Amino acid sequence: MYVSVNSRPDVTASVSILSQRMSSPTKVDMNEVKRVIRYLKGTEDLKLKVSDVQNKLAPEVFSDANWGEDRTARKSNSGYVSLRWNCILML
């Protein structure tokens, strides 16, 4: 999880869901793991580059939470996204 969050945030949700099923994986789970690996191999040339443009745009943070939404485990969920607008996607 640490690696996906800090290096490839585009696959963090998939890795999080798949890591919850590690105790008893099924064939469907293994197919999903293969799909994530194929995606990573196909997008290994994409990089986030911090530009040297001196934009003074303030970072934005969005958050959301729910209380007991998961009907099976009755767990609460929360999350946040932090955006800095001086990053560009390099191909």
PDB file of N, CA and C in Angstrom:
ATOM      1  N   MET A   1       0.819  -1.189   0.000  1.00  0.00           N
ATOM      2  CA  MET A   1       0.000   0.000   0.000  1.00  0.00           C
ATOM      3  C   MET A   1       0.866   1.258   0.000  1.00  0.00           C
ATOM      4  N   TYR A   2       1.945   1.265   0.774  1.00  0.00           N
ATOM      5  CA  TYR A   2       2.808   2.444   0.848  1.00  0.00           C
ATOM      6  C   TYR A   2       3.352   2.809  -0.528  1.00  0.00           C
ATOM      7  N   VAL A   3       3.809   1.799  -1.257  1.00  0.00           N
ATOM      8  CA  VAL A   3       4.380   2.048  -2.582  1.00  0.00           C
ATOM      9  C   VAL A   3       3.322   2.579  -3.533  1.00  0.00           C
ATOM     10  N   SER A   4       2.127   2.002  -3.515  1.00  0.00           N
ATOM     11  CA  SER A   4       1.098   2.462  -4.445  1.00  0.00           C
ATOM     12  C   SER A   4       0.634   3.876  -4.113  1.00  0.00           C
ATOM     13  N   VAL A   5       0.531   4.212  -2.852  1.00  0.00           N
ATOM     14  CA  VAL A   5       0.086   5.549  -2.465  1.00  0.00           C
ATOM     15  C   VAL A   5       1.116   6.604  -2.854  1.00  0.00           C
ATOM     16  N   ASN A   6       2.395   6.297  -2.645  1.00  0.00           N
ATOM     17  CA  ASN A   6       3.425   7.310  -2.861  1.00  0.00           C
ATOM     18  C   ASN A   6       4.031   7.314  -4.252  1.00  0.00           C
ATOM     19  N   SER A   7       3.862   6.253  -5.021  1.00  0.00           N
ATOM     20  CA  SER A   7       4.464   6.256  -6.345  1.00  0.00           C
ATOM     21  C   SER A   7       3.443   6.149  -7.472  1.00  0.00           C
ATOM     22  N   ARG A   8       2.365   5.419  -7.292  1.00  0.00           N
ATOM     23  CA  ARG A   8       1.350   5.243  -8.330  1.00  0.00           C
ATOM     24  C   ARG A   8      -0.042   5.406  -7.735  1.00  0.00           C
ATOM     25  N   PRO A   9      -0.442   6.632  -7.444  1.00  0.00           N
ATOM     26  CA  PRO A   9      -1.768   6.836  -6.842  1.00  0.00           C
ATOM     27  C   PRO A   9      -2.918   6.422  -7.742  1.00  0.00           C
ATOM     28  N   ASP A  10      -2.659   6.213  -9.029  1.00  0.00           N
ATOM     29  CA  ASP A  10      -3.728   5.801  -9.935  1.00  0.00           C
ATOM     30  C   ASP A  10      -4.172   4.365  -9.697  1.00  0.00           C
ATOM     31  N   VAL A  11      -3.365   3.545  -9.040  1.00  0.00           N
ATOM     32  CA  VAL A  11      -3.758   2.160  -8.761  1.00  0.00           C
ATOM     33  C   VAL A  11      -4.015   1.913  -7.279  1.00  0.00           C
ATOM     34  N   THR A  12      -3.995   2.952  -6.467  1.00  0.00           N
ATOM     35  CA  THR A  12      -4.149   2.778  -5.022  1.00  0.00           C
ATOM     36  C   THR A  12      -5.482   2.146  -4.652  1.00  0.00           C
ATOM     37  N   ALA A  13      -6.568   2.547  -5.287  1.00  0.00           N
ATOM     38  CA  ALA A  13      -7.876   1.973  -4.955  1.00  0.00           C
ATOM     39  C   ALA A  13      -7.910   0.490  -5.295  1.00  0.00           C
ATOM     40  N   SER A  14      -7.377   0.114  -6.451  1.00  0.00           N
ATOM     41  CA  SER A  14      -7.359  -1.299  -6.841  1.00  0.00           C
ATOM     42  C   SER A  14      -6.505  -2.126  -5.892  1.00  0.00           C
ATOM     43  N   VAL A  15      -5.337  -1.606  -5.542  1.00  0.00           N
ATOM     44  CA  VAL A  15      -4.448  -2.329  -4.624  1.00  0.00           C
ATOM     45  C   VAL A  15      -5.092  -2.463  -3.259  1.00  0.00           C
ATOM     46  N   SER A  16      -5.777  -1.435  -2.814  1.00  0.00           N
ATOM     47  CA  SER A  16      -6.450  -1.484  -1.514  1.00  0.00           C
ATOM     48  C   SER A  16      -7.532  -2.563  -1.490  1.00  0.00           C
ATOM     49  N   ILE A  17      -8.348  -2.606  -2.528  1.00  0.00           N
ATOM     50  CA  ILE A  17      -9.422  -3.604  -2.582  1.00  0.00           C
ATOM     51  C   ILE A  17      -8.842  -5.016  -2.671  1.00  0.00           C
ATOM     52  N   LEU A  18      -7.824  -5.190  -3.511  1.00  0.00           N
ATOM     53  CA  LEU A  18      -7.226  -6.519  -3.659  1.00  0.00           C
ATOM     54  C   LEU A  18      -6.502  -6.962  -2.399  1.00  0.00           C
ATOM     55  N   SER A  19      -5.890  -6.038  -1.683  1.00  0.00           N
ATOM     56  CA  SER A  19      -5.164  -6.422  -0.467  1.00  0.00           C
ATOM     57  C   SER A  19      -6.115  -6.886   0.640  1.00  0.00           C
ATOM     58  N   GLN A  20      -7.369  -6.480   0.585  1.00  0.00           N
ATOM     59  CA  GLN A  20      -8.345  -6.937   1.575  1.00  0.00           C
ATOM     60  C   GLN A  20      -8.712  -8.404   1.362  1.00  0.00           C
ATOM     61  N   ARG A  21      -8.427  -8.928   0.191  1.00  0.00           N
ATOM     62  CA  ARG A  21      -8.803 -10.305  -0.147  1.00  0.00           C
ATOM     63  C   ARG A  21      -7.619 -11.266  -0.121  1.00  0.00           C
ATOM     64  N   MET A  22      -6.513 -10.873   0.478  1.00  0.00           N
ATOM     65  CA  MET A  22      -5.304 -11.698   0.452  1.00  0.00           C
ATOM     66  C   MET A  22      -5.415 -12.973   1.278  1.00  0.00           C
ATOM     67  N   SER A  23      -6.281 -12.992   2.267  1.00  0.00           N
ATOM     68  CA  SER A  23      -6.365 -14.178   3.114  1.00  0.00           C
ATOM     69  C   SER A  23      -6.975 -15.375   2.389  1.00  0.00           C
ATOM     70  N   SER A  24      -7.885 -15.116   1.454  1.00  0.00           N
ATOM     71  CA  SER A  24      -8.472 -16.208   0.677  1.00  0.00           C
ATOM     72  C   SER A  24      -8.786 -15.720  -0.742  1.00  0.00           C
ATOM     73  N   PRO A  25      -7.758 -15.575  -1.577  1.00  0.00           N
ATOM     74  CA  PRO A  25      -7.987 -15.075  -2.938  1.00  0.00           C
ATOM     75  C   PRO A  25      -8.689 -16.106  -3.823  1.00  0.00           C
ATOM     76  N   THR A  26      -9.481 -15.616  -4.733  1.00  0.00           N
ATOM     77  CA  THR A  26     -10.170 -16.473  -5.693  1.00  0.00           C
ATOM     78  C   THR A  26      -9.550 -16.275  -7.074  1.00  0.00           C
ATOM     79  N   LYS A  27     -10.025 -17.016  -8.050  1.00  0.00           N
ATOM     80  CA  LYS A  27      -9.531 -16.858  -9.423  1.00  0.00           C
ATOM     81  C   LYS A  27      -9.874 -15.475  -9.960  1.00  0.00           C
ATOM     82  N   VAL A  28     -11.024 -14.967  -9.579  1.00  0.00           N
ATOM     83  CA  VAL A  28     -11.419 -13.626 -10.012  1.00  0.00           C
ATOM     84  C   VAL A  28     -10.438 -12.586  -9.464  1.00  0.00           C
ATOM     85  N   ASP A  29     -10.045 -12.747  -8.190  1.00  0.00           N
ATOM     86  CA  ASP A  29      -9.078 -11.833  -7.594  1.00  0.00           C
ATOM     87  C   ASP A  29      -7.734 -11.901  -8.316  1.00  0.00           C
ATOM     88  N   MET A  30      -7.306 -13.105  -8.675  1.00  0.00           N
ATOM     89  CA  MET A  30      -6.037 -13.258  -9.386  1.00  0.00           C
ATOM     90  C   MET A  30      -6.118 -12.629 -10.774  1.00  0.00           C
ATOM     91  N   ASN A  31      -7.270 -12.725 -11.429  1.00  0.00           N
ATOM     92  CA  ASN A  31      -7.443 -12.062 -12.722  1.00  0.00           C
ATOM     93  C   ASN A  31      -7.361 -10.548 -12.579  1.00  0.00           C
ATOM     94  N   GLU A  32      -7.906 -10.027 -11.494  1.00  0.00           N
ATOM     95  CA  GLU A  32      -7.826  -8.589 -11.249  1.00  0.00           C
ATOM     96  C   GLU A  32      -6.391  -8.157 -10.965  1.00  0.00           C
ATOM     97  N   VAL A  33      -5.629  -8.972 -10.243  1.00  0.00           N
ATOM     98  CA  VAL A  33      -4.215  -8.675 -10.000  1.00  0.00           C
ATOM     99  C   VAL A  33      -3.466  -8.620 -11.328  1.00  0.00           C
ATOM    100  N   LYS A  34      -3.734  -9.576 -12.209  1.00  0.00           N
ATOM    101  CA  LYS A  34      -3.096  -9.576 -13.523  1.00  0.00           C
ATOM    102  C   LYS A  34      -3.469  -8.338 -14.314  1.00  0.00           C
ATOM    103  N   ARG A  35      -4.715  -7.889 -14.186  1.00  0.00           N
ATOM    104  CA  ARG A  35      -5.159  -6.687 -14.891  1.00  0.00           C
ATOM    105  C   ARG A  35      -4.393  -5.454 -14.390  1.00  0.00           C
ATOM    106  N   VAL A  36      -4.203  -5.355 -13.079  1.00  0.00           N
ATOM    107  CA  VAL A  36      -3.456  -4.226 -12.521  1.00  0.00           C
ATOM    108  C   VAL A  36      -2.006  -4.266 -13.006  1.00  0.00           C
ATOM    109  N   ILE A  37      -1.405  -5.451 -13.024  1.00  0.00           N
ATOM    110  CA  ILE A  37      -0.020  -5.572 -13.484  1.00  0.00           C
ATOM    111  C   ILE A  37       0.091  -5.205 -14.966  1.00  0.00           C
ATOM    112  N   ARG A  38      -0.856  -5.642 -15.787  1.00  0.00           N
ATOM    113  CA  ARG A  38      -0.843  -5.269 -17.205  1.00  0.00           C
ATOM    114  C   ARG A  38      -0.976  -3.751 -17.371  1.00  0.00           C
ATOM    115  N   TYR A  39      -1.824  -3.145 -16.553  1.00  0.00           N
ATOM    116  CA  TYR A  39      -1.976  -1.691 -16.605  1.00  0.00           C
ATOM    117  C   TYR A  39      -0.654  -1.004 -16.242  1.00  0.00           C
ATOM    118  N   LEU A  40       0.006  -1.489 -15.186  1.00  0.00           N
ATOM    119  CA  LEU A  40       1.270  -0.891 -14.773  1.00  0.00           C
ATOM    120  C   LEU A  40       2.336  -1.025 -15.853  1.00  0.00           C
ATOM    121  N   LYS A  41       2.391  -2.197 -16.481  1.00  0.00           N
ATOM    122  CA  LYS A  41       3.372  -2.395 -17.548  1.00  0.00           C
ATOM    123  C   LYS A  41       3.069  -1.503 -18.749  1.00  0.00           C
ATOM    124  N   GLY A  42       1.809  -1.277 -19.037  1.00  0.00           N
ATOM    125  CA  GLY A  42       1.432  -0.459 -20.174  1.00  0.00           C
ATOM    126  C   GLY A  42       1.593   1.036 -19.947  1.00  0.00           C
ATOM    127  N   THR A  43       1.680   1.447 -18.695  1.00  0.00           N
ATOM    128  CA  THR A  43       1.778   2.876 -18.384  1.00  0.00           C
ATOM    129  C   THR A  43       3.072   3.220 -17.658  1.00  0.00           C
ATOM    130  N   GLU A  44       4.098   2.394 -17.792  1.00  0.00           N
ATOM    131  CA  GLU A  44       5.333   2.664 -17.056  1.00  0.00           C
ATOM    132  C   GLU A  44       6.085   3.883 -17.574  1.00  0.00           C
ATOM    133  N   ASP A  45       5.752   4.374 -18.767  1.00  0.00           N
ATOM    134  CA  ASP A  45       6.410   5.563 -19.297  1.00  0.00           C
ATOM    135  C   ASP A  45       5.768   6.863 -18.825  1.00  0.00           C
ATOM    136  N   LEU A  46       4.610   6.789 -18.191  1.00  0.00           N
ATOM    137  CA  LEU A  46       3.958   7.989 -17.673  1.00  0.00           C
ATOM    138  C   LEU A  46       4.613   8.411 -16.367  1.00  0.00           C
ATOM    139  N   LYS A  47       4.830   9.712 -16.220  1.00  0.00           N
ATOM    140  CA  LYS A  47       5.481  10.226 -15.014  1.00  0.00           C
ATOM    141  C   LYS A  47       4.812  11.534 -14.601  1.00  0.00           C
ATOM    142  N   LEU A  48       4.802  11.796 -13.311  1.00  0.00           N
ATOM    143  CA  LEU A  48       4.397  13.102 -12.817  1.00  0.00           C
ATOM    144  C   LEU A  48       5.656  13.942 -12.663  1.00  0.00           C
ATOM    145  N   LYS A  49       5.640  15.106 -13.250  1.00  0.00           N
ATOM    146  CA  LYS A  49       6.801  15.991 -13.170  1.00  0.00           C
ATOM    147  C   LYS A  49       6.354  17.310 -12.569  1.00  0.00           C
ATOM    148  N   VAL A  50       7.067  17.759 -11.560  1.00  0.00           N
ATOM    149  CA  VAL A  50       6.762  19.048 -10.970  1.00  0.00           C
ATOM    150  C   VAL A  50       7.360  20.104 -11.885  1.00  0.00           C
ATOM    151  N   SER A  51       6.519  20.988 -12.389  1.00  0.00           N
ATOM    152  CA  SER A  51       7.009  21.983 -13.339  1.00  0.00           C
ATOM    153  C   SER A  51       7.759  23.091 -12.613  1.00  0.00           C
ATOM    154  N   ASP A  52       8.558  23.788 -13.360  1.00  0.00           N
ATOM    155  CA  ASP A  52       9.307  24.886 -12.768  1.00  0.00           C
ATOM    156  C   ASP A  52       8.598  26.227 -12.937  1.00  0.00           C
ATOM    157  N   VAL A  53       7.362  26.170 -13.381  1.00  0.00           N
ATOM    158  CA  VAL A  53       6.573  27.391 -13.507  1.00  0.00           C
ATOM    159  C   VAL A  53       6.224  27.870 -12.105  1.00  0.00           C
ATOM    160  N   GLN A  54       6.394  29.123 -11.851  1.00  0.00           N
ATOM    161  CA  GLN A  54       6.179  29.676 -10.512  1.00  0.00           C
ATOM    162  C   GLN A  54       4.738  30.143 -10.319  1.00  0.00           C
ATOM    163  N   ASN A  55       3.804  29.247 -10.540  1.00  0.00           N
ATOM    164  CA  ASN A  55       2.404  29.578 -10.287  1.00  0.00           C
ATOM    165  C   ASN A  55       2.174  29.630  -8.789  1.00  0.00           C
ATOM    166  N   LYS A  56       1.480  30.627  -8.369  1.00  0.00           N
ATOM    167  CA  LYS A  56       1.213  30.783  -6.936  1.00  0.00           C
ATOM    168  C   LYS A  56      -0.170  30.262  -6.571  1.00  0.00           C
ATOM    169  N   LEU A  57      -0.597  29.204  -7.252  1.00  0.00           N
ATOM    170  CA  LEU A  57      -1.901  28.633  -6.955  1.00  0.00           C
ATOM    171  C   LEU A  57      -1.838  27.851  -5.650  1.00  0.00           C
ATOM    172  N   ALA A  58      -2.800  28.049  -4.821  1.00  0.00           N
ATOM    173  CA  ALA A  58      -2.836  27.361  -3.537  1.00  0.00           C
ATOM    174  C   ALA A  58      -3.248  25.905  -3.737  1.00  0.00           C
ATOM    175  N   PRO A  59      -2.690  24.986  -2.944  1.00  0.00           N
ATOM    176  CA  PRO A  59      -3.136  23.597  -3.032  1.00  0.00           C
ATOM    177  C   PRO A  59      -4.582  23.470  -2.553  1.00  0.00           C
ATOM    178  N   GLU A  60      -5.279  22.473  -3.084  1.00  0.00           N
ATOM    179  CA  GLU A  60      -6.660  22.220  -2.694  1.00  0.00           C
ATOM    180  C   GLU A  60      -6.742  20.850  -2.039  1.00  0.00           C
ATOM    181  N   VAL A  61      -7.562  20.745  -1.009  1.00  0.00           N
ATOM    182  CA  VAL A  61      -7.768  19.484  -0.311  1.00  0.00           C
ATOM    183  C   VAL A  61      -9.268  19.224  -0.235  1.00  0.00           C
ATOM    184  N   PHE A  62      -9.666  18.011  -0.649  1.00  0.00           N
ATOM    185  CA  PHE A  62     -11.064  17.599  -0.586  1.00  0.00           C
ATOM    186  C   PHE A  62     -11.144  16.375   0.320  1.00  0.00           C
ATOM    187  N   SER A  63     -12.173  16.303   1.121  1.00  0.00           N
ATOM    188  CA  SER A  63     -12.337  15.136   1.991  1.00  0.00           C
ATOM    189  C   SER A  63     -13.802  14.712   2.016  1.00  0.00           C
ATOM    190  N   ASP A  64     -14.009  13.443   2.374  1.00  0.00           N
ATOM    191  CA  ASP A  64     -15.358  12.917   2.479  1.00  0.00           C
ATOM    192  C   ASP A  64     -15.333  11.776   3.497  1.00  0.00           C
ATOM    193  N   ALA A  65     -16.442  11.539   4.118  1.00  0.00           N
ATOM    194  CA  ALA A  65     -16.541  10.462   5.099  1.00  0.00           C
ATOM    195  C   ALA A  65     -17.979   9.971   5.180  1.00  0.00           C
ATOM    196  N   ASN A  66     -18.116   8.732   5.623  1.00  0.00           N
ATOM    197  CA  ASN A  66     -19.452   8.219   5.915  1.00  0.00           C
ATOM    198  C   ASN A  66     -19.361   7.387   7.186  1.00  0.00           C
ATOM    199  N   TRP A  67     -20.469   7.221   7.848  1.00  0.00           N
ATOM    200  CA  TRP A  67     -20.479   6.517   9.113  1.00  0.00           C
ATOM    201  C   TRP A  67     -21.321   5.261   8.985  1.00  0.00           C
ATOM    202  N   GLY A  68     -20.674   4.102   9.011  1.00  0.00           N
ATOM    203  CA  GLY A  68     -21.375   2.830   8.996  1.00  0.00           C
ATOM    204  C   GLY A  68     -22.067   2.493   7.697  1.00  0.00           C
ATOM    205  N   GLU A  69     -21.578   3.010   6.575  1.00  0.00           N
ATOM    206  CA  GLU A  69     -22.230   2.764   5.279  1.00  0.00           C
ATOM    207  C   GLU A  69     -22.110   1.306   4.844  1.00  0.00           C
ATOM    208  N   ASP A  70     -20.993   0.661   5.174  1.00  0.00           N
ATOM    209  CA  ASP A  70     -20.779  -0.738   4.796  1.00  0.00           C
ATOM    210  C   ASP A  70     -21.747  -1.612   5.588  1.00  0.00           C
ATOM    211  N   ARG A  71     -22.732  -2.163   4.905  1.00  0.00           N
ATOM    212  CA  ARG A  71     -23.797  -2.913   5.568  1.00  0.00           C
ATOM    213  C   ARG A  71     -23.319  -4.247   6.155  1.00  0.00           C
ATOM    214  N   THR A  72     -22.265  -4.842   5.571  1.00  0.00           N
ATOM    215  CA  THR A  72     -21.814  -6.147   6.070  1.00  0.00           C
ATOM    216  C   THR A  72     -20.929  -6.024   7.297  1.00  0.00           C
ATOM    217  N   ALA A  73     -19.992  -5.083   7.307  1.00  0.00           N
ATOM    218  CA  ALA A  73     -19.064  -4.957   8.429  1.00  0.00           C
ATOM    219  C   ALA A  73     -19.365  -3.756   9.317  1.00  0.00           C
ATOM    220  N   ARG A  74     -20.268  -2.893   8.869  1.00  0.00           N
ATOM    221  CA  ARG A  74     -20.640  -1.675   9.604  1.00  0.00           C
ATOM    222  C   ARG A  74     -19.420  -0.809   9.919  1.00  0.00           C
ATOM    223  N   LYS A  75     -18.518  -0.686   8.935  1.00  0.00           N
ATOM    224  CA  LYS A  75     -17.324   0.127   9.107  1.00  0.00           C
ATOM    225  C   LYS A  75     -17.545   1.509   8.522  1.00  0.00           C
ATOM    226  N   SER A  76     -16.886   2.460   9.109  1.00  0.00           N
ATOM    227  CA  SER A  76     -16.909   3.815   8.585  1.00  0.00           C
ATOM    228  C   SER A  76     -15.746   4.000   7.622  1.00  0.00           C
ATOM    229  N   ASN A  77     -15.916   4.865   6.640  1.00  0.00           N
ATOM    230  CA  ASN A  77     -14.877   5.144   5.656  1.00  0.00           C
ATOM    231  C   ASN A  77     -14.642   6.637   5.578  1.00  0.00           C
ATOM    232  N   SER A  78     -13.397   7.000   5.360  1.00  0.00           N
ATOM    233  CA  SER A  78     -13.069   8.396   5.116  1.00  0.00           C
ATOM    234  C   SER A  78     -11.886   8.454   4.166  1.00  0.00           C
ATOM    235  N   GLY A  79     -11.716   9.586   3.531  1.00  0.00           N
ATOM    236  CA  GLY A  79     -10.596   9.739   2.618  1.00  0.00           C
ATOM    237  C   GLY A  79     -10.407  11.189   2.237  1.00  0.00           C
ATOM    238  N   TYR A  80      -9.258  11.473   1.622  1.00  0.00           N
ATOM    239  CA  TYR A  80      -8.982  12.836   1.185  1.00  0.00           C
ATOM    240  C   TYR A  80      -8.139  12.813  -0.082  1.00  0.00           C
ATOM    241  N   VAL A  81      -8.197  13.894  -0.814  1.00  0.00           N
ATOM    242  CA  VAL A  81      -7.382  14.099  -2.007  1.00  0.00           C
ATOM    243  C   VAL A  81      -6.766  15.479  -1.885  1.00  0.00           C
ATOM    244  N   SER A  82      -5.463  15.545  -2.083  1.00  0.00           N
ATOM    245  CA  SER A  82      -4.747  16.814  -2.050  1.00  0.00           C
ATOM    246  C   SER A  82      -4.206  17.085  -3.446  1.00  0.00           C
ATOM    247  N   LEU A  83      -4.472  18.269  -3.985  1.00  0.00           N
ATOM    248  CA  LEU A  83      -4.056  18.612  -5.343  1.00  0.00           C
ATOM    249  C   LEU A  83      -3.146  19.836  -5.334  1.00  0.00           C
ATOM    250  N   ARG A  84      -2.054  19.728  -6.084  1.00  0.00           N
ATOM    251  CA  ARG A  84      -1.203  20.893  -6.359  1.00  0.00           C
ATOM    252  C   ARG A  84      -1.235  21.091  -7.849  1.00  0.00           C
ATOM    253  N   TRP A  85      -1.489  22.267  -8.282  1.00  0.00           N
ATOM    254  CA  TRP A  85      -1.732  22.523  -9.695  1.00  0.00           C
ATOM    255  C   TRP A  85      -0.478  22.779 -10.502  1.00  0.00           C
ATOM    256  N   ASN A  86       0.715  22.598  -9.957  1.00  0.00           N
ATOM    257  CA  ASN A  86       1.910  22.780 -10.765  1.00  0.00           C
ATOM    258  C   ASN A  86       2.530  21.437 -11.160  1.00  0.00           C
ATOM    259  N   CYS A  87       1.719  20.377 -11.191  1.00  0.00           N
ATOM    260  CA  CYS A  87       2.164  19.078 -11.670  1.00  0.00           C
ATOM    261  C   CYS A  87       1.568  18.841 -13.047  1.00  0.00           C
ATOM    262  N   ILE A  88       2.360  18.275 -13.917  1.00  0.00           N
ATOM    263  CA  ILE A  88       1.869  17.947 -15.254  1.00  0.00           C
ATOM    264  C   ILE A  88       2.182  16.494 -15.552  1.00  0.00           C
ATOM    265  N   LEU A  89       1.364  15.872 -16.351  1.00  0.00           N
ATOM    266  CA  LEU A  89       1.571  14.481 -16.723  1.00  0.00           C
ATOM    267  C   LEU A  89       2.434  14.438 -17.972  1.00  0.00           C
ATOM    268  N   MET A  90       3.577  13.770 -17.870  1.00  0.00           N
ATOM    269  CA  MET A  90       4.515  13.700 -18.985  1.00  0.00           C
ATOM    270  C   MET A  90       4.353  12.356 -19.688  1.00  0.00           C
ATOM    271  N   LEU A  91       4.247  12.356 -20.989  1.00  0.00           N
ATOM    272  CA  LEU A  91       4.157  11.131 -21.774  1.00  0.00           C
ATOM    273  C   LEU A  91       5.506  10.752 -22.321  1.00  0.00           C
TER     274      LEU A  91
END
